[in-house]
């Protein structure tokens, strides 16, 4: 029972570092603020603010409130853990908004502070409600998913996979884009056919990776298919929401290009064929597919005819900068987390079936 809190604490710390990094980029041009550091708290409500701005800033801190609650829960009572988790998250938001007053590229905002704090409250409240009674979700997890820290990490990696779909990467389902960070140049010129093939390859390989990870996490084959379908539906829903909210697409399925469609079909066939392999073989092949996806994403040139929301690709003075930075960093780091998980699954062997 002690493994859960430790894992929650590590995840909360890692997520906090991501929030700090995303909130303070580009760490340049430091200067003394023209007014008092906390002047933003009493500033008038911004003239241009949308429900999407507020909602995404709420979502950005919701996981932090949840993880802080579970990290504090064993030594503390539920009510105390809820209060401290929300106060810590709100204090972090206040601290980062105050530091942003020293950065000309960032805007300190009372709206961000309120929405981030609200997200932490909702996250901690959701965790509190799950622990008040017999926690049916915990019972479901124990019955379906492999036990121990490895199962918890697997659920976290799959959940992060759904979250990073809110980052509209140039290649659909692509992750691990480190071109700007490492100064990688594309290996060929853009063409419609080459881009279609690259997108289809990335989607095919990624669907295989996620499907194989889910199959390795399930304790019984009878749960695997349902879990794969649910994961894929959540992924598609996240892509559709991102298309409507960020790119202002006319249809939520605008991301479903011919390359994506063929990749989804090929990936599903690949998972069906590879599912019957031994667990160690599935883990090894999934790790190879992760590496292949990262390589393709980094050597494929951007589509010059594709328009992406600016706040998700660079640091801008916008209320969405924090959320955009968080999902961008998570998208860059996800392949590495997936490989670490697959190495653990490879060493652990098959999951013991629940009775």
Protein backbone atom coordinates (compact mmCIF):
# COMPACT_ATOMS: atom_id res chain seq x y z
CA UNK A 1 0.00 0.00 0.00
CA UNK A 2 2.96 2.36 0.38
CA UNK A 3 3.88 2.25 -3.28
CA UNK A 4 0.95 4.39 -4.38
CA UNK A 5 1.84 7.47 -2.35
CA UNK A 6 5.48 7.28 -3.42
CA UNK A 7 4.52 7.10 -7.08
CA UNK A 8 2.03 9.95 -6.68
CA UNK A 9 4.72 12.07 -5.03
CA UNK A 10 7.21 11.43 -7.82
CA UNK A 11 4.61 12.20 -10.48
CA UNK A 12 3.52 15.37 -8.67
CA UNK A 13 7.15 16.52 -8.49
CA UNK A 14 7.77 15.76 -12.17
CA UNK A 15 4.55 17.52 -13.20
CA UNK A 16 5.47 20.52 -11.05
CA UNK A 17 8.81 20.80 -12.87
CA UNK A 18 6.97 20.71 -16.21
CA UNK A 19 4.64 23.49 -15.05
CA UNK A 20 7.57 25.61 -13.85
CA UNK A 21 9.45 25.14 -17.12
CA UNK A 22 6.39 25.89 -19.26
CA UNK A 23 5.42 28.92 -17.18
CA UNK A 24 8.83 30.61 -17.22
CA UNK A 25 10.06 30.00 -20.75
CA UNK A 26 12.15 31.47 -22.37
CA UNK A 27 14.07 32.31 -19.14
CA UNK A 28 15.54 35.40 -20.85
CA UNK A 29 15.27 39.16 -20.58
CA UNK A 30 14.84 39.31 -16.82
CA UNK A 31 14.08 42.80 -15.54
CA UNK A 32 12.55 44.53 -12.57
CA UNK A 33 8.78 44.84 -12.99
CA UNK A 34 7.44 48.35 -13.56
CA UNK A 35 4.94 47.98 -10.71
CA UNK A 36 4.68 45.98 -7.54
CA UNK A 37 5.20 42.27 -8.06
CA UNK A 38 1.68 41.41 -6.89
CA UNK A 39 0.00 44.24 -8.78
CA UNK A 40 -1.49 41.74 -11.24
CA UNK A 41 -3.76 40.35 -8.50
CA UNK A 42 -5.83 43.54 -8.38
CA UNK A 43 -5.61 44.31 -12.11
CA UNK A 44 -8.88 44.71 -14.07
CA UNK A 45 -10.32 41.64 -15.74
CA UNK A 46 -8.60 41.18 -19.14
CA UNK A 47 -10.55 42.55 -22.08
CA UNK A 48 -9.91 39.56 -24.31
CA UNK A 49 -10.52 36.25 -22.56
CA UNK A 50 -12.53 33.22 -23.68
CA UNK A 51 -14.06 30.23 -21.99
CA UNK A 52 -11.46 28.07 -23.73
CA UNK A 53 -8.65 30.09 -22.13
CA UNK A 54 -10.10 29.55 -18.68
CA UNK A 55 -10.97 25.89 -19.23
CA UNK A 56 -7.49 24.95 -20.44
CA UNK A 57 -5.79 26.69 -17.53
CA UNK A 58 -8.12 24.77 -15.21
CA UNK A 59 -7.16 21.51 -16.94
CA UNK A 60 -3.44 22.35 -16.65
CA UNK A 61 -3.53 22.24 -12.82
CA UNK A 62 -6.16 19.54 -12.37
CA UNK A 63 -3.63 16.63 -12.47
CA UNK A 64 -1.40 18.46 -9.98
CA UNK A 65 -4.21 18.73 -7.43
CA UNK A 66 -5.01 15.04 -7.89
CA UNK A 67 -1.44 13.83 -7.51
CA UNK A 68 -0.74 16.09 -4.53
CA UNK A 69 -3.81 14.71 -2.78
CA UNK A 70 -2.75 11.09 -3.28
CA UNK A 71 0.82 11.94 -2.25
CA UNK A 72 -0.41 13.45 1.02
CA UNK A 73 -3.24 11.01 1.71
CA UNK A 74 -1.61 8.16 3.72
CA UNK A 75 -0.24 10.27 6.60
CA UNK A 76 -3.05 12.86 6.47
CA UNK A 77 -6.80 12.67 6.80
CA UNK A 78 -8.81 13.15 3.57
CA UNK A 79 -9.96 16.67 4.47
CA UNK A 80 -6.46 17.78 5.46
CA UNK A 81 -4.94 16.30 2.31
CA UNK A 82 -7.54 18.11 0.20
CA UNK A 83 -6.88 21.48 1.83
CA UNK A 84 -3.08 21.19 1.71
CA UNK A 85 -3.05 19.93 -1.89
CA UNK A 86 -5.14 22.85 -3.10
CA UNK A 87 -3.14 25.38 -1.08
CA UNK A 88 0.19 24.05 -2.38
CA UNK A 89 -1.00 24.14 -5.99
CA UNK A 90 -2.47 27.63 -5.57
CA UNK A 91 0.76 28.83 -3.94
CA UNK A 92 2.74 27.42 -6.86
CA UNK A 93 0.54 29.28 -9.34
CA UNK A 94 0.86 32.51 -7.32
CA UNK A 95 4.64 32.12 -7.20
CA UNK A 96 4.95 31.50 -10.94
CA UNK A 97 2.62 34.37 -11.84
CA UNK A 98 4.69 36.65 -9.61
CA UNK A 99 7.95 35.52 -11.24
CA UNK A 100 6.41 36.18 -14.66
CA UNK A 101 6.32 39.88 -13.69
CA UNK A 102 10.12 39.79 -14.18
CA UNK A 103 9.86 38.30 -17.68
CA UNK A 104 8.86 40.61 -20.55
CA UNK A 105 7.80 37.65 -22.70
CA UNK A 106 5.18 36.51 -20.17
CA UNK A 107 2.03 38.10 -18.77
CA UNK A 108 1.15 37.66 -15.11
CA UNK A 109 -2.61 37.28 -14.85
CA UNK A 110 -5.15 37.04 -12.06
CA UNK A 111 -7.28 34.98 -14.44
CA UNK A 112 -4.53 32.37 -14.70
CA UNK A 113 -4.16 32.32 -10.91
CA UNK A 114 -7.87 31.81 -10.34
CA UNK A 115 -8.31 29.20 -13.08
CA UNK A 116 -5.19 27.28 -12.05
CA UNK A 117 -6.34 27.26 -8.43
CA UNK A 118 -9.80 26.10 -9.52
CA UNK A 119 -8.20 23.26 -11.47
CA UNK A 120 -6.24 22.16 -8.41
CA UNK A 121 -9.42 22.27 -6.30
CA UNK A 122 -11.31 20.13 -8.81
CA UNK A 123 -8.45 17.64 -9.09
CA UNK A 124 -8.08 17.26 -5.34
CA UNK A 125 -11.86 17.12 -4.89
CA UNK A 126 -12.16 14.33 -7.46
CA UNK A 127 -9.45 12.35 -5.65
CA UNK A 128 -11.20 13.00 -2.31
CA UNK A 129 -14.52 11.70 -3.62
CA UNK A 130 -12.84 8.55 -4.90
CA UNK A 131 -11.48 7.75 -1.45
CA UNK A 132 -14.55 8.51 0.63
CA UNK A 133 -16.28 5.20 -0.05
CA UNK A 134 -15.11 1.82 -1.35
CA UNK A 135 -13.59 3.49 -4.43
CA UNK A 136 -15.11 1.45 -7.29
CA UNK A 137 -12.45 2.73 -9.68
CA UNK A 138 -9.71 1.27 -7.48
CA UNK A 139 -11.55 -2.08 -7.43
CA UNK A 140 -11.90 -1.97 -11.22
CA UNK A 141 -8.22 -1.16 -11.62
CA UNK A 142 -7.25 -4.05 -9.32
CA UNK A 143 -9.37 -6.48 -11.31
CA UNK A 144 -8.31 -5.41 -14.81
CA UNK A 145 -4.81 -3.91 -14.68
CA UNK A 146 -1.58 -5.53 -13.51
CA UNK A 147 -0.80 -4.74 -9.90
CA UNK A 148 2.02 -2.76 -8.38
CA UNK A 149 3.92 0.34 -9.38
CA UNK A 150 4.41 -0.91 -12.94
CA UNK A 151 0.65 -1.01 -13.48
CA UNK A 152 0.29 2.49 -12.02
CA UNK A 153 3.04 3.80 -14.29
CA UNK A 154 1.40 2.14 -17.28
CA UNK A 155 -1.93 3.82 -16.58
CA UNK A 156 -0.13 7.13 -16.24
CA UNK A 157 1.68 6.70 -19.57
CA UNK A 158 -1.59 5.84 -21.33
CA UNK A 159 -3.35 8.81 -19.72
CA UNK A 160 -0.53 11.12 -20.80
CA UNK A 161 -0.86 9.75 -24.32
CA UNK A 162 -4.46 10.98 -24.42
CA UNK A 163 -3.48 14.35 -22.90
CA UNK A 164 -0.75 15.07 -25.47
CA UNK A 165 -3.33 14.84 -28.24
CA UNK A 166 -4.26 18.39 -27.24
CA UNK A 167 -0.90 19.40 -28.71
CA UNK A 168 -1.62 19.62 -32.45
CA UNK A 169 1.71 18.33 -33.74
CA UNK A 170 2.50 18.70 -37.46
CA UNK A 171 2.24 14.91 -37.86
CA UNK A 172 -0.93 13.49 -36.33
CA UNK A 173 -0.22 11.24 -33.33
CA UNK A 174 3.41 12.33 -33.53
CA UNK A 175 5.44 12.83 -30.36
CA UNK A 176 9.08 13.34 -29.42
CA UNK A 177 9.59 16.33 -31.72
CA UNK A 178 13.00 17.64 -30.65
CA UNK A 179 14.03 19.44 -33.84
CA UNK A 180 14.14 22.89 -32.28
CA UNK A 181 15.72 21.67 -29.05
CA UNK A 182 18.50 19.69 -30.73
CA UNK A 183 18.77 21.69 -33.95
CA UNK A 184 17.76 18.74 -36.17
CA UNK A 185 17.18 19.53 -39.85
CA UNK A 186 14.71 17.53 -42.01
CA UNK A 187 16.33 14.94 -44.28
CA UNK A 188 14.17 15.57 -47.36
CA UNK A 189 12.07 18.26 -49.00
CA UNK A 190 8.36 18.46 -48.41
CA UNK A 191 6.04 16.82 -50.92
CA UNK A 192 2.42 15.79 -50.55
CA UNK A 193 3.16 12.11 -51.18
CA UNK A 194 6.14 11.97 -48.81
CA UNK A 195 4.16 13.75 -46.10
CA UNK A 196 1.20 11.37 -46.52
CA UNK A 197 3.50 8.36 -46.21
CA UNK A 198 5.24 9.84 -43.16
CA UNK A 199 1.93 10.61 -41.46
CA UNK A 200 0.56 7.13 -42.22
CA UNK A 201 3.75 5.53 -40.88
CA UNK A 202 3.67 7.58 -37.65
CA UNK A 203 -0.01 6.81 -37.01
CA UNK A 204 0.48 3.10 -37.79
CA UNK A 205 3.47 2.73 -35.49
CA UNK A 206 1.94 4.80 -32.69
CA UNK A 207 -1.35 2.87 -32.72
CA UNK A 208 0.71 -0.31 -32.48
CA UNK A 209 2.73 1.11 -29.57
CA UNK A 210 -0.30 2.19 -27.57
CA UNK A 211 -2.22 -0.98 -28.36
CA UNK A 212 0.66 -3.21 -27.31
CA UNK A 213 1.23 -1.22 -24.12
CA UNK A 214 -2.45 -1.59 -23.21
CA UNK A 215 -2.33 -5.33 -23.94
CA UNK A 216 0.69 -5.71 -21.65
CA UNK A 217 -1.01 -3.83 -18.83
CA UNK A 218 -4.17 -5.94 -18.79
CA UNK A 219 -4.32 -8.93 -16.47
CA UNK A 220 -6.56 -10.91 -18.79
CA UNK A 221 -7.02 -11.00 -22.60
CA UNK A 222 -10.76 -10.46 -22.17
CA UNK A 223 -10.08 -6.93 -20.91
CA UNK A 224 -7.46 -6.03 -23.52
CA UNK A 225 -9.74 -5.43 -26.51
CA UNK A 226 -12.14 -3.24 -24.54
CA UNK A 227 -9.27 -1.24 -23.06
CA UNK A 228 -7.73 -0.73 -26.51
CA UNK A 229 -11.03 0.48 -27.97
CA UNK A 230 -11.63 2.88 -25.07
CA UNK A 231 -8.09 4.26 -25.37
CA UNK A 232 -8.49 4.79 -29.12
CA UNK A 233 -11.88 6.49 -28.67
CA UNK A 234 -10.46 8.82 -26.01
CA UNK A 235 -7.54 9.61 -28.32
CA UNK A 236 -9.84 10.48 -31.21
CA UNK A 237 -12.06 12.55 -28.93
CA UNK A 238 -9.05 14.54 -27.70
CA UNK A 239 -7.91 15.15 -31.30
CA UNK A 240 -11.39 16.35 -32.26
CA UNK A 241 -11.66 18.68 -29.27
CA UNK A 242 -8.22 20.11 -30.06
CA UNK A 243 -9.23 20.67 -33.70
CA UNK A 244 -12.37 22.56 -32.70
CA UNK A 245 -10.88 24.55 -29.82
CA UNK A 246 -7.42 25.42 -31.15
CA UNK A 247 -7.46 25.45 -34.95
CA UNK A 248 -11.10 26.60 -35.14
CA UNK A 249 -11.70 23.81 -37.67
CA UNK A 250 -15.11 23.57 -39.29
CA UNK A 251 -15.28 19.91 -38.32
CA UNK A 252 -13.89 18.05 -35.36
CA UNK A 253 -12.71 15.33 -37.73
CA UNK A 254 -10.62 17.61 -39.92
CA UNK A 255 -7.50 15.92 -38.51
CA UNK A 256 -8.69 12.59 -40.00
CA UNK A 257 -6.75 12.87 -43.26
CA UNK A 258 -6.21 9.98 -45.72
CA UNK A 259 -2.81 9.37 -44.16
CA UNK A 260 -4.29 9.21 -40.66
CA UNK A 261 -7.14 6.96 -41.79
CA UNK A 262 -4.84 4.47 -43.49
CA UNK A 263 -2.51 4.58 -40.50
CA UNK A 264 -5.34 3.80 -38.07
CA UNK A 265 -6.40 0.81 -40.17
CA UNK A 266 -2.85 -0.49 -40.59
CA UNK A 267 -2.10 0.03 -36.89
CA UNK A 268 -5.21 -1.91 -35.86
CA UNK A 269 -4.19 -4.79 -38.13
CA UNK A 270 -0.65 -4.69 -36.72
CA UNK A 271 -1.90 -4.88 -33.13
CA UNK A 272 -4.19 -7.80 -34.02
CA UNK A 273 -1.27 -9.70 -35.55
CA UNK A 274 1.26 -8.92 -32.81
CA UNK A 275 -1.11 -9.42 -29.87
CA UNK A 276 -0.55 -13.17 -29.93
CA UNK A 277 3.21 -12.87 -29.46
CA UNK A 278 4.86 -13.47 -26.11
CA UNK A 279 4.80 -10.47 -23.74
CA UNK A 280 8.55 -9.90 -24.02
CA UNK A 281 8.30 -9.83 -27.82
CA UNK A 282 5.43 -7.34 -27.74
CA UNK A 283 7.35 -5.08 -25.36
CA UNK A 284 10.50 -5.22 -27.50
CA UNK A 285 8.63 -4.53 -30.74
CA UNK A 286 6.71 -1.65 -29.15
CA UNK A 287 9.99 -0.07 -28.01
CA UNK A 288 11.38 -0.36 -31.54
CA UNK A 289 8.21 1.30 -32.89
CA UNK A 290 8.60 4.19 -30.41
CA UNK A 291 12.13 4.83 -31.64
CA UNK A 292 10.95 4.66 -35.26
CA UNK A 293 8.21 7.22 -34.58
CA UNK A 294 10.66 9.67 -33.00
CA UNK A 295 13.03 9.31 -35.97
CA UNK A 296 10.27 9.89 -38.53
CA UNK A 297 8.85 12.87 -36.63
CA UNK A 298 12.26 14.55 -36.45
CA UNK A 299 13.38 13.99 -40.05
CA UNK A 300 10.06 14.90 -41.72
CA UNK A 301 9.74 18.56 -42.77
CA UNK A 302 6.72 20.52 -41.60
CA UNK A 303 3.77 20.84 -43.91
CA UNK A 304 3.91 24.45 -45.21
CA UNK A 305 0.17 24.31 -45.95
CA UNK A 306 -0.77 23.33 -42.41
CA UNK A 307 -1.64 26.06 -39.92
CA UNK A 308 -1.05 25.34 -36.25
CA UNK A 309 -2.10 27.47 -33.27
CA UNK A 310 0.83 29.71 -32.41
CA UNK A 311 0.52 29.33 -28.64
CA UNK A 312 1.16 25.57 -28.84
CA UNK A 313 4.37 25.86 -30.85
CA UNK A 314 6.14 28.80 -29.25
CA UNK A 315 6.08 31.00 -26.17
CA UNK A 316 3.58 33.82 -26.64
CA UNK A 317 2.07 36.44 -24.37
CA UNK A 318 -1.27 34.69 -24.07
CA UNK A 319 -3.32 33.12 -21.32
CA UNK A 320 -2.93 29.79 -23.14
CA UNK A 321 0.88 29.88 -23.03
CA UNK A 322 1.08 27.79 -19.86
CA UNK A 323 -1.20 25.03 -21.16
CA UNK A 324 0.45 25.07 -24.59
CA UNK A 325 3.89 24.79 -23.02
CA UNK A 326 2.84 21.95 -20.73
CA UNK A 327 1.32 19.78 -23.47
CA UNK A 328 4.25 20.54 -25.79
CA UNK A 329 6.78 19.36 -23.18
CA UNK A 330 4.69 16.30 -22.35
CA UNK A 331 4.54 15.47 -26.06
CA UNK A 332 8.31 15.74 -26.32
CA UNK A 333 8.88 13.53 -23.27
CA UNK A 334 6.21 10.89 -23.86
CA UNK A 335 8.32 8.54 -26.03
CA UNK A 336 10.99 8.38 -23.34
CA UNK A 337 8.40 7.56 -20.67
CA UNK A 338 6.95 4.88 -22.96
CA UNK A 339 10.36 3.27 -23.49
CA UNK A 340 11.07 3.23 -19.75
CA UNK A 341 7.70 1.59 -19.16
CA UNK A 342 8.33 -0.99 -21.89
CA UNK A 343 11.73 -1.84 -20.41
CA UNK A 344 10.02 -2.42 -17.07
CA UNK A 345 7.34 -4.58 -18.71
CA UNK A 346 10.01 -6.50 -20.60
CA UNK A 347 11.81 -7.33 -17.38
CA UNK A 348 8.68 -8.04 -15.36
CA UNK A 349 7.14 -10.59 -17.70
CA UNK A 350 3.42 -11.34 -18.04
CA UNK A 351 0.95 -9.97 -15.53
CA UNK A 352 -0.59 -12.30 -13.00
CA UNK A 353 -4.26 -12.76 -13.68
CA UNK A 354 -6.73 -11.69 -11.04
CA UNK A 355 -8.85 -14.46 -9.64
